[in-house]
Amino acid sequence: MAQHNLIEALKNLVDTIAFSYADLLDYGEQLTDEHRQRCLRVCEETIEYFNTILLDPGTTIQVRRSVQAHINQLNWFADQFSRLGNQVVGGDLNQGIKWKDLENAFAGNIQTGCVINQRHKDPASFLQASRDIIINKVQSVLRDLAGLKVNVELFCTFRKQEDVEERKSLSMS
């Protein structure tokens, strides 16, 4: 039960940031750079906090997977807050996707990263664009390692009209 409560509390933190992002979009031209920077800092600090949970040896696998999914979302929001201020790090404003290395959710020789969607609205076009960046990353890792197992998880939000929103997750090994 405590594990479920922790997962729910972490989800609520991410949801608060999601609501803030939606509110910022409504402000448009009235949005100050200071406000954007504050929201970006909140994302970065929350990611740091979530990383401490990942590194705790007492954290269960279920909590680790949930935290990793939330970190992926927070990285997307951080990227969006940066883009609102036209301050993009690691790419340009016309780039459709970007790779971000993340803290490892599990011990050992495991590397974790995520592809951040910056403009694709159609899942098929996002997956097609992501293909090359993922293949390049895998080939880069294979240069240093003899073997590799790749695990891919898709975290996205599907929207049907403005009044229906639901998060989905897909995991493949």
N, C-alpha and C. Protein backbone atom coordinates (compact mmCIF):
# COMPACT_ATOMS: atom_id res chain seq x y z
N MET A 1 0.82 -1.20 0.00
CA MET A 1 0.00 0.00 0.00
C MET A 1 0.86 1.26 0.00
N ALA A 2 1.96 1.24 0.79
CA ALA A 2 2.85 2.40 0.83
C ALA A 2 3.47 2.65 -0.53
N GLN A 3 3.79 1.56 -1.24
CA GLN A 3 4.36 1.67 -2.58
C GLN A 3 3.38 2.36 -3.52
N HIS A 4 2.12 1.96 -3.46
CA HIS A 4 1.09 2.58 -4.30
C HIS A 4 0.93 4.06 -3.95
N ASN A 5 0.97 4.39 -2.66
CA ASN A 5 0.86 5.79 -2.24
C ASN A 5 2.02 6.63 -2.75
N LEU A 6 3.23 6.07 -2.74
CA LEU A 6 4.40 6.78 -3.25
C LEU A 6 4.25 7.03 -4.75
N ILE A 7 3.85 6.01 -5.49
CA ILE A 7 3.66 6.15 -6.94
C ILE A 7 2.61 7.22 -7.22
N GLU A 8 1.53 7.22 -6.46
CA GLU A 8 0.46 8.21 -6.66
C GLU A 8 0.94 9.62 -6.32
N ALA A 9 1.73 9.76 -5.26
CA ALA A 9 2.26 11.07 -4.87
C ALA A 9 3.20 11.61 -5.94
N LEU A 10 4.04 10.75 -6.50
CA LEU A 10 4.95 11.19 -7.56
C LEU A 10 4.17 11.59 -8.81
N LYS A 11 3.12 10.84 -9.12
CA LYS A 11 2.27 11.18 -10.27
C LYS A 11 1.63 12.55 -10.05
N ASN A 12 1.20 12.82 -8.83
CA ASN A 12 0.58 14.12 -8.53
C ASN A 12 1.57 15.27 -8.74
N LEU A 13 2.85 15.05 -8.39
CA LEU A 13 3.87 16.08 -8.64
C LEU A 13 3.98 16.38 -10.13
N VAL A 14 4.04 15.33 -10.94
CA VAL A 14 4.15 15.51 -12.39
C VAL A 14 2.89 16.17 -12.94
N ASP A 15 1.72 15.76 -12.44
CA ASP A 15 0.47 16.37 -12.89
C ASP A 15 0.43 17.86 -12.58
N THR A 16 0.98 18.27 -11.44
CA THR A 16 1.03 19.69 -11.09
C THR A 16 1.86 20.46 -12.12
N ILE A 17 2.97 19.88 -12.54
CA ILE A 17 3.80 20.53 -13.56
C ILE A 17 3.06 20.57 -14.89
N ALA A 18 2.32 19.51 -15.21
CA ALA A 18 1.53 19.48 -16.45
C ALA A 18 0.48 20.59 -16.44
N PHE A 19 -0.18 20.79 -15.30
CA PHE A 19 -1.17 21.86 -15.19
C PHE A 19 -0.50 23.23 -15.34
N SER A 20 0.68 23.38 -14.76
CA SER A 20 1.41 24.65 -14.89
C SER A 20 1.75 24.93 -16.34
N TYR A 21 2.16 23.89 -17.05
CA TYR A 21 2.49 24.06 -18.47
C TYR A 21 1.26 24.51 -19.25
N ALA A 22 0.12 23.86 -18.99
CA ALA A 22 -1.11 24.24 -19.68
C ALA A 22 -1.49 25.69 -19.36
N ASP A 23 -1.32 26.09 -18.11
CA ASP A 23 -1.60 27.48 -17.72
C ASP A 23 -0.67 28.45 -18.45
N LEU A 24 0.60 28.08 -18.56
CA LEU A 24 1.56 28.96 -19.24
C LEU A 24 1.21 29.15 -20.70
N LEU A 25 0.71 28.12 -21.33
CA LEU A 25 0.31 28.24 -22.73
C LEU A 25 -0.82 29.25 -22.89
N ASP A 26 -1.68 29.33 -21.88
CA ASP A 26 -2.79 30.28 -21.93
C ASP A 26 -2.32 31.73 -21.81
N TYR A 27 -1.16 31.96 -21.15
CA TYR A 27 -0.65 33.31 -20.96
C TYR A 27 -0.08 33.90 -22.24
N GLY A 28 0.49 33.07 -23.09
CA GLY A 28 1.03 33.53 -24.37
C GLY A 28 2.02 34.65 -24.24
N GLU A 29 1.70 35.80 -24.81
CA GLU A 29 2.60 36.95 -24.86
C GLU A 29 2.87 37.55 -23.48
N GLN A 30 1.97 37.35 -22.53
CA GLN A 30 2.12 37.94 -21.20
C GLN A 30 3.11 37.18 -20.32
N LEU A 31 3.56 36.04 -20.78
CA LEU A 31 4.45 35.19 -20.00
C LEU A 31 5.83 35.82 -19.89
N THR A 32 6.32 35.93 -18.66
CA THR A 32 7.65 36.52 -18.46
C THR A 32 8.71 35.44 -18.52
N ASP A 33 9.92 35.86 -18.88
CA ASP A 33 11.04 34.92 -18.94
C ASP A 33 11.34 34.37 -17.55
N GLU A 34 11.16 35.19 -16.52
CA GLU A 34 11.39 34.75 -15.15
C GLU A 34 10.46 33.59 -14.78
N HIS A 35 9.20 33.71 -15.19
CA HIS A 35 8.22 32.65 -14.90
C HIS A 35 8.61 31.35 -15.62
N ARG A 36 8.99 31.45 -16.88
CA ARG A 36 9.42 30.26 -17.64
C ARG A 36 10.63 29.61 -16.98
N GLN A 37 11.60 30.44 -16.58
CA GLN A 37 12.81 29.91 -15.95
C GLN A 37 12.49 29.22 -14.62
N ARG A 38 11.55 29.77 -13.88
CA ARG A 38 11.16 29.16 -12.61
C ARG A 38 10.53 27.79 -12.85
N CYS A 39 9.67 27.70 -13.86
CA CYS A 39 9.05 26.41 -14.20
C CYS A 39 10.09 25.40 -14.67
N LEU A 40 11.05 25.86 -15.45
CA LEU A 40 12.13 24.99 -15.91
C LEU A 40 12.94 24.48 -14.72
N ARG A 41 13.24 25.36 -13.76
CA ARG A 41 13.98 24.95 -12.56
C ARG A 41 13.20 23.92 -11.74
N VAL A 42 11.89 24.11 -11.64
CA VAL A 42 11.06 23.14 -10.91
C VAL A 42 11.17 21.76 -11.57
N CYS A 43 11.12 21.73 -12.90
CA CYS A 43 11.28 20.45 -13.61
C CYS A 43 12.63 19.83 -13.30
N GLU A 44 13.68 20.62 -13.41
CA GLU A 44 15.04 20.11 -13.19
C GLU A 44 15.23 19.62 -11.76
N GLU A 45 14.70 20.36 -10.79
CA GLU A 45 14.83 19.96 -9.39
C GLU A 45 14.01 18.70 -9.09
N THR A 46 12.85 18.59 -9.72
CA THR A 46 12.02 17.40 -9.53
C THR A 46 12.71 16.18 -10.15
N ILE A 47 13.34 16.36 -11.30
CA ILE A 47 14.10 15.27 -11.92
C ILE A 47 15.23 14.84 -10.99
N GLU A 48 15.94 15.80 -10.41
CA GLU A 48 17.02 15.47 -9.46
C GLU A 48 16.46 14.68 -8.27
N TYR A 49 15.33 15.10 -7.75
CA TYR A 49 14.71 14.39 -6.63
C TYR A 49 14.32 12.97 -7.04
N PHE A 50 13.71 12.83 -8.20
CA PHE A 50 13.31 11.51 -8.68
C PHE A 50 14.54 10.62 -8.90
N ASN A 51 15.65 11.21 -9.33
CA ASN A 51 16.88 10.43 -9.51
C ASN A 51 17.38 9.87 -8.19
N THR A 52 17.19 10.61 -7.08
CA THR A 52 17.60 10.08 -5.78
C THR A 52 16.76 8.86 -5.41
N ILE A 53 15.50 8.85 -5.82
CA ILE A 53 14.65 7.68 -5.58
C ILE A 53 15.16 6.49 -6.39
N LEU A 54 15.57 6.75 -7.65
CA LEU A 54 16.11 5.67 -8.49
C LEU A 54 17.37 5.06 -7.88
N LEU A 55 18.20 5.89 -7.27
CA LEU A 55 19.47 5.42 -6.73
C LEU A 55 19.35 4.74 -5.36
N ASP A 56 18.20 4.86 -4.73
CA ASP A 56 17.98 4.24 -3.42
C ASP A 56 17.85 2.73 -3.60
N PRO A 57 18.73 1.93 -2.97
CA PRO A 57 18.67 0.48 -3.15
C PRO A 57 17.38 -0.15 -2.62
N GLY A 58 16.66 0.54 -1.77
CA GLY A 58 15.41 0.01 -1.23
C GLY A 58 14.20 0.24 -2.13
N THR A 59 14.39 0.95 -3.23
CA THR A 59 13.28 1.25 -4.14
C THR A 59 12.91 -0.01 -4.93
N THR A 60 11.63 -0.34 -4.94
CA THR A 60 11.17 -1.54 -5.66
C THR A 60 11.20 -1.31 -7.17
N ILE A 61 11.17 -2.40 -7.92
CA ILE A 61 11.20 -2.31 -9.38
C ILE A 61 9.98 -1.57 -9.90
N GLN A 62 8.82 -1.82 -9.30
CA GLN A 62 7.60 -1.13 -9.74
C GLN A 62 7.74 0.39 -9.56
N VAL A 63 8.27 0.81 -8.44
CA VAL A 63 8.47 2.24 -8.20
C VAL A 63 9.51 2.79 -9.16
N ARG A 64 10.60 2.05 -9.40
CA ARG A 64 11.63 2.50 -10.34
C ARG A 64 11.06 2.73 -11.73
N ARG A 65 10.25 1.80 -12.19
CA ARG A 65 9.66 1.93 -13.54
C ARG A 65 8.74 3.16 -13.59
N SER A 66 7.96 3.36 -12.55
CA SER A 66 7.08 4.51 -12.49
C SER A 66 7.88 5.81 -12.47
N VAL A 67 8.92 5.85 -11.64
CA VAL A 67 9.76 7.05 -11.53
C VAL A 67 10.43 7.34 -12.87
N GLN A 68 10.93 6.29 -13.55
CA GLN A 68 11.58 6.50 -14.84
C GLN A 68 10.60 7.09 -15.85
N ALA A 69 9.37 6.61 -15.85
CA ALA A 69 8.35 7.16 -16.75
C ALA A 69 8.10 8.63 -16.43
N HIS A 70 8.03 8.97 -15.15
CA HIS A 70 7.82 10.36 -14.75
C HIS A 70 9.01 11.24 -15.14
N ILE A 71 10.21 10.71 -15.02
CA ILE A 71 11.40 11.47 -15.43
C ILE A 71 11.33 11.77 -16.92
N ASN A 72 10.89 10.80 -17.71
CA ASN A 72 10.74 11.03 -19.15
C ASN A 72 9.75 12.17 -19.41
N GLN A 73 8.63 12.15 -18.69
CA GLN A 73 7.65 13.22 -18.84
C GLN A 73 8.24 14.57 -18.43
N LEU A 74 8.93 14.59 -17.31
CA LEU A 74 9.52 15.84 -16.82
C LEU A 74 10.55 16.39 -17.80
N ASN A 75 11.31 15.51 -18.44
CA ASN A 75 12.25 15.96 -19.45
C ASN A 75 11.51 16.60 -20.62
N TRP A 76 10.36 16.05 -20.98
CA TRP A 76 9.57 16.65 -22.06
C TRP A 76 9.08 18.04 -21.63
N PHE A 77 8.55 18.14 -20.41
CA PHE A 77 8.08 19.45 -19.94
C PHE A 77 9.23 20.45 -19.84
N ALA A 78 10.39 20.02 -19.35
CA ALA A 78 11.55 20.92 -19.28
C ALA A 78 11.90 21.42 -20.68
N ASP A 79 11.87 20.53 -21.65
CA ASP A 79 12.15 20.93 -23.03
C ASP A 79 11.11 21.94 -23.52
N GLN A 80 9.86 21.71 -23.18
CA GLN A 80 8.79 22.63 -23.61
C GLN A 80 8.93 24.00 -22.95
N PHE A 81 9.27 24.02 -21.65
CA PHE A 81 9.48 25.31 -20.98
C PHE A 81 10.64 26.06 -21.62
N SER A 82 11.70 25.34 -21.98
CA SER A 82 12.84 25.97 -22.67
C SER A 82 12.40 26.53 -24.02
N ARG A 83 11.59 25.78 -24.73
CA ARG A 83 11.14 26.21 -26.05
C ARG A 83 10.20 27.42 -25.96
N LEU A 84 9.44 27.51 -24.88
CA LEU A 84 8.58 28.69 -24.71
C LEU A 84 9.42 29.96 -24.66
N GLY A 85 10.63 29.83 -24.11
CA GLY A 85 11.53 30.97 -24.03
C GLY A 85 12.52 31.00 -25.18
N ASN A 86 12.31 30.12 -26.17
CA ASN A 86 13.20 30.01 -27.33
C ASN A 86 14.64 29.73 -26.91
N GLN A 87 14.82 29.00 -25.81
CA GLN A 87 16.16 28.63 -25.34
C GLN A 87 16.25 27.12 -25.40
N VAL A 88 16.75 26.60 -26.50
CA VAL A 88 16.84 25.16 -26.68
C VAL A 88 18.28 24.73 -26.53
N VAL A 89 18.52 23.77 -25.66
CA VAL A 89 19.86 23.25 -25.44
C VAL A 89 19.94 21.87 -26.09
N GLY A 90 21.00 21.62 -26.83
CA GLY A 90 21.18 20.31 -27.45
C GLY A 90 20.41 20.15 -28.74
N GLY A 91 20.06 21.21 -29.38
CA GLY A 91 19.34 21.13 -30.64
C GLY A 91 18.89 22.49 -31.07
N ASP A 92 18.09 22.53 -32.13
CA ASP A 92 17.56 23.82 -32.56
C ASP A 92 16.04 23.76 -32.56
N LEU A 93 15.42 24.89 -32.77
CA LEU A 93 13.97 24.96 -32.68
C LEU A 93 13.26 24.18 -33.77
N ASN A 94 13.95 23.86 -34.87
CA ASN A 94 13.32 23.14 -35.97
C ASN A 94 13.48 21.63 -35.84
N GLN A 95 14.23 21.18 -34.87
CA GLN A 95 14.47 19.76 -34.69
C GLN A 95 13.20 19.11 -34.15
N GLY A 96 12.82 17.95 -34.70
CA GLY A 96 11.59 17.30 -34.28
C GLY A 96 11.73 16.41 -33.06
N ILE A 97 12.94 15.91 -32.82
CA ILE A 97 13.20 15.03 -31.68
C ILE A 97 14.60 15.30 -31.16
N LYS A 98 14.85 14.87 -29.93
CA LYS A 98 16.22 14.92 -29.42
C LYS A 98 16.41 13.81 -28.39
N TRP A 99 17.64 13.34 -28.28
CA TRP A 99 18.01 12.29 -27.33
C TRP A 99 18.50 12.93 -26.05
N LYS A 100 18.14 12.33 -24.91
CA LYS A 100 18.64 12.80 -23.62
C LYS A 100 19.06 11.58 -22.81
N ASP A 101 20.33 11.57 -22.37
CA ASP A 101 20.81 10.52 -21.47
C ASP A 101 20.23 10.78 -20.08
N LEU A 102 19.81 9.70 -19.41
CA LEU A 102 19.18 9.80 -18.10
C LEU A 102 19.96 9.00 -17.07
N GLU A 103 19.67 9.26 -15.79
CA GLU A 103 20.22 8.43 -14.71
C GLU A 103 19.69 7.01 -14.91
N ASN A 104 20.46 6.04 -14.48
CA ASN A 104 20.04 4.65 -14.62
C ASN A 104 19.05 4.27 -13.53
N ALA A 105 17.98 3.62 -13.94
CA ALA A 105 16.99 3.15 -12.98
C ALA A 105 17.42 1.86 -12.30
N PHE A 106 18.37 1.16 -12.91
CA PHE A 106 18.80 -0.13 -12.40
C PHE A 106 20.32 -0.19 -12.35
N ALA A 107 20.84 -0.99 -11.44
CA ALA A 107 22.29 -1.12 -11.29
C ALA A 107 22.87 -1.95 -12.43
N GLY A 108 24.18 -1.90 -12.56
CA GLY A 108 24.85 -2.72 -13.56
C GLY A 108 25.25 -1.91 -14.77
N ASN A 109 25.44 -2.62 -15.84
CA ASN A 109 25.93 -2.02 -17.09
C ASN A 109 24.77 -1.54 -17.95
N ILE A 110 23.82 -0.86 -17.35
CA ILE A 110 22.62 -0.42 -18.05
C ILE A 110 22.70 1.07 -18.31
N GLN A 111 22.39 1.45 -19.54
CA GLN A 111 22.33 2.86 -19.90
C GLN A 111 20.88 3.22 -20.18
N THR A 112 20.48 4.37 -19.74
CA THR A 112 19.10 4.80 -19.90
C THR A 112 19.07 6.15 -20.60
N GLY A 113 18.13 6.30 -21.50
CA GLY A 113 17.95 7.56 -22.21
C GLY A 113 16.53 7.66 -22.72
N CYS A 114 16.19 8.81 -23.24
CA CYS A 114 14.85 8.97 -23.81
C CYS A 114 14.93 9.85 -25.05
N VAL A 115 13.97 9.63 -25.93
CA VAL A 115 13.81 10.48 -27.10
C VAL A 115 12.68 11.45 -26.76
N ILE A 116 12.96 12.74 -26.86
CA ILE A 116 11.97 13.75 -26.52
C ILE A 116 11.33 14.26 -27.81
N ASN A 117 10.01 14.15 -27.86
CA ASN A 117 9.25 14.63 -29.01
C ASN A 117 9.08 16.14 -28.89
N GLN A 118 9.53 16.86 -29.90
CA GLN A 118 9.44 18.31 -29.84
C GLN A 118 8.34 18.89 -30.72
N ARG A 119 7.84 18.11 -31.69
CA ARG A 119 6.81 18.71 -32.53
C ARG A 119 5.87 17.72 -33.21
N HIS A 120 6.14 16.43 -33.16
CA HIS A 120 5.30 15.45 -33.85
C HIS A 120 3.96 15.29 -33.14
N LYS A 121 2.89 15.30 -33.91
CA LYS A 121 1.56 15.09 -33.35
C LYS A 121 1.06 13.68 -33.66
N ASP A 122 1.59 13.09 -34.73
CA ASP A 122 1.20 11.75 -35.14
C ASP A 122 2.21 10.73 -34.60
N PRO A 123 1.75 9.71 -33.85
CA PRO A 123 2.70 8.73 -33.30
C PRO A 123 3.55 8.04 -34.37
N ALA A 124 2.97 7.76 -35.53
CA ALA A 124 3.73 7.08 -36.59
C ALA A 124 4.90 7.93 -37.07
N SER A 125 4.68 9.23 -37.26
CA SER A 125 5.78 10.09 -37.72
C SER A 125 6.83 10.26 -36.62
N PHE A 126 6.40 10.31 -35.36
CA PHE A 126 7.36 10.38 -34.26
C PHE A 126 8.22 9.13 -34.21
N LEU A 127 7.58 7.96 -34.31
CA LEU A 127 8.34 6.70 -34.26
C LEU A 127 9.30 6.59 -35.43
N GLN A 128 8.88 7.01 -36.60
CA GLN A 128 9.77 6.97 -37.77
C GLN A 128 10.96 7.90 -37.56
N ALA A 129 10.73 9.09 -37.05
CA ALA A 129 11.82 10.04 -36.81
C ALA A 129 12.74 9.54 -35.69
N SER A 130 12.17 8.86 -34.72
CA SER A 130 12.95 8.35 -33.58
C SER A 130 13.85 7.19 -33.98
N ARG A 131 13.45 6.48 -35.00
CA ARG A 131 14.18 5.27 -35.43
C ARG A 131 15.66 5.56 -35.64
N ASP A 132 15.99 6.58 -36.40
CA ASP A 132 17.39 6.88 -36.72
C ASP A 132 18.20 7.24 -35.49
N ILE A 133 17.63 8.06 -34.62
CA ILE A 133 18.38 8.48 -33.44
C ILE A 133 18.63 7.29 -32.50
N ILE A 134 17.65 6.38 -32.41
CA ILE A 134 17.82 5.20 -31.56
C ILE A 134 18.85 4.25 -32.16
N ILE A 135 18.78 4.03 -33.46
CA ILE A 135 19.75 3.15 -34.13
C ILE A 135 21.17 3.71 -33.97
N ASN A 136 21.34 5.01 -34.13
CA ASN A 136 22.67 5.62 -33.95
C ASN A 136 23.17 5.43 -32.52
N LYS A 137 22.29 5.60 -31.54
CA LYS A 137 22.68 5.43 -30.14
C LYS A 137 23.07 3.98 -29.86
N VAL A 138 22.30 3.02 -30.37
CA VAL A 138 22.60 1.61 -30.17
C VAL A 138 23.93 1.25 -30.83
N GLN A 139 24.17 1.72 -32.04
CA GLN A 139 25.44 1.45 -32.72
C GLN A 139 26.61 2.04 -31.96
N SER A 140 26.43 3.21 -31.39
CA SER A 140 27.48 3.84 -30.60
C SER A 140 27.82 3.00 -29.37
N VAL A 141 26.81 2.48 -28.70
CA VAL A 141 27.03 1.65 -27.52
C VAL A 141 27.70 0.33 -27.92
N LEU A 142 27.29 -0.23 -29.06
CA LEU A 142 27.87 -1.50 -29.51
C LEU A 142 29.36 -1.38 -29.83
N ARG A 143 29.82 -0.20 -30.15
CA ARG A 143 31.26 -0.01 -30.39
C ARG A 143 32.07 -0.26 -29.12
N ASP A 144 31.44 -0.01 -27.97
CA ASP A 144 32.14 -0.17 -26.69
C ASP A 144 31.84 -1.49 -25.98
N LEU A 145 30.74 -2.13 -26.32
CA LEU A 145 30.33 -3.36 -25.64
C LEU A 145 30.22 -4.51 -26.64
N ALA A 146 30.41 -5.73 -26.13
CA ALA A 146 30.32 -6.90 -27.00
C ALA A 146 28.87 -7.29 -27.28
N GLY A 147 28.00 -7.10 -26.34
CA GLY A 147 26.61 -7.48 -26.50
C GLY A 147 25.68 -6.41 -25.97
N LEU A 148 24.43 -6.52 -26.35
CA LEU A 148 23.50 -5.47 -25.97
C LEU A 148 22.08 -6.01 -25.99
N LYS A 149 21.31 -5.67 -24.99
CA LYS A 149 19.88 -5.92 -24.98
C LYS A 149 19.21 -4.56 -24.97
N VAL A 150 18.27 -4.37 -25.86
CA VAL A 150 17.59 -3.08 -25.96
C VAL A 150 16.16 -3.25 -25.46
N ASN A 151 15.76 -2.38 -24.57
CA ASN A 151 14.39 -2.34 -24.06
C ASN A 151 13.82 -0.98 -24.43
N VAL A 152 12.68 -0.98 -25.09
CA VAL A 152 12.07 0.27 -25.54
C VAL A 152 10.73 0.43 -24.84
N GLU A 153 10.50 1.61 -24.30
CA GLU A 153 9.21 1.93 -23.70
C GLU A 153 8.69 3.20 -24.34
N LEU A 154 7.43 3.18 -24.71
CA LEU A 154 6.80 4.35 -25.30
C LEU A 154 5.84 4.94 -24.27
N PHE A 155 6.10 6.18 -23.88
CA PHE A 155 5.21 6.91 -22.98
C PHE A 155 4.66 8.09 -23.76
N CYS A 156 3.36 8.16 -23.86
CA CYS A 156 2.78 9.27 -24.62
C CYS A 156 1.38 9.56 -24.09
N THR A 157 0.89 10.69 -24.50
CA THR A 157 -0.46 11.09 -24.14
C THR A 157 -1.29 11.12 -25.42
N PHE A 158 -2.40 10.42 -25.41
CA PHE A 158 -3.31 10.43 -26.55
C PHE A 158 -4.43 11.40 -26.24
N ARG A 159 -4.76 12.23 -27.20
CA ARG A 159 -5.84 13.20 -27.01
C ARG A 159 -6.89 13.01 -28.08
N LYS A 160 -8.13 13.00 -27.65
CA LYS A 160 -9.26 12.98 -28.57
C LYS A 160 -10.11 14.17 -28.18
N GLN A 161 -10.09 15.18 -29.01
CA GLN A 161 -10.73 16.45 -28.73
C GLN A 161 -10.06 17.10 -27.53
N GLU A 162 -10.59 18.17 -27.04
CA GLU A 162 -9.97 18.90 -25.93
C GLU A 162 -10.39 18.37 -24.57
N ASP A 163 -11.47 17.61 -24.50
CA ASP A 163 -11.98 17.23 -23.20
C ASP A 163 -11.60 15.82 -22.75
N VAL A 164 -10.91 15.05 -23.58
CA VAL A 164 -10.52 13.70 -23.22
C VAL A 164 -9.01 13.57 -23.32
N GLU A 165 -8.38 13.13 -22.22
CA GLU A 165 -6.94 12.93 -22.22
C GLU A 165 -6.62 11.73 -21.36
N GLU A 166 -5.76 10.84 -21.89
CA GLU A 166 -5.40 9.65 -21.14
C GLU A 166 -3.96 9.29 -21.45
N ARG A 167 -3.19 8.94 -20.42
CA ARG A 167 -1.80 8.53 -20.61
C ARG A 167 -1.74 7.03 -20.88
N LYS A 168 -0.85 6.64 -21.77
CA LYS A 168 -0.64 5.23 -22.10
C LYS A 168 0.84 4.92 -22.04
N SER A 169 1.15 3.65 -21.83
CA SER A 169 2.53 3.19 -21.78
C SER A 169 2.64 1.88 -22.53
N LEU A 170 3.73 1.71 -23.29
CA LEU A 170 3.99 0.49 -24.04
C LEU A 170 5.43 0.10 -23.79
N SER A 171 5.65 -1.16 -23.44
CA SER A 171 7.01 -1.63 -23.16
C SER A 171 7.31 -2.83 -24.03
N MET A 172 8.51 -2.82 -24.66
CA MET A 172 8.94 -3.94 -25.51
C MET A 172 10.38 -4.29 -25.16
N SER A 173 10.71 -5.56 -25.21
CA SER A 173 12.09 -6.00 -25.01
C SER A 173 12.54 -6.77 -26.22
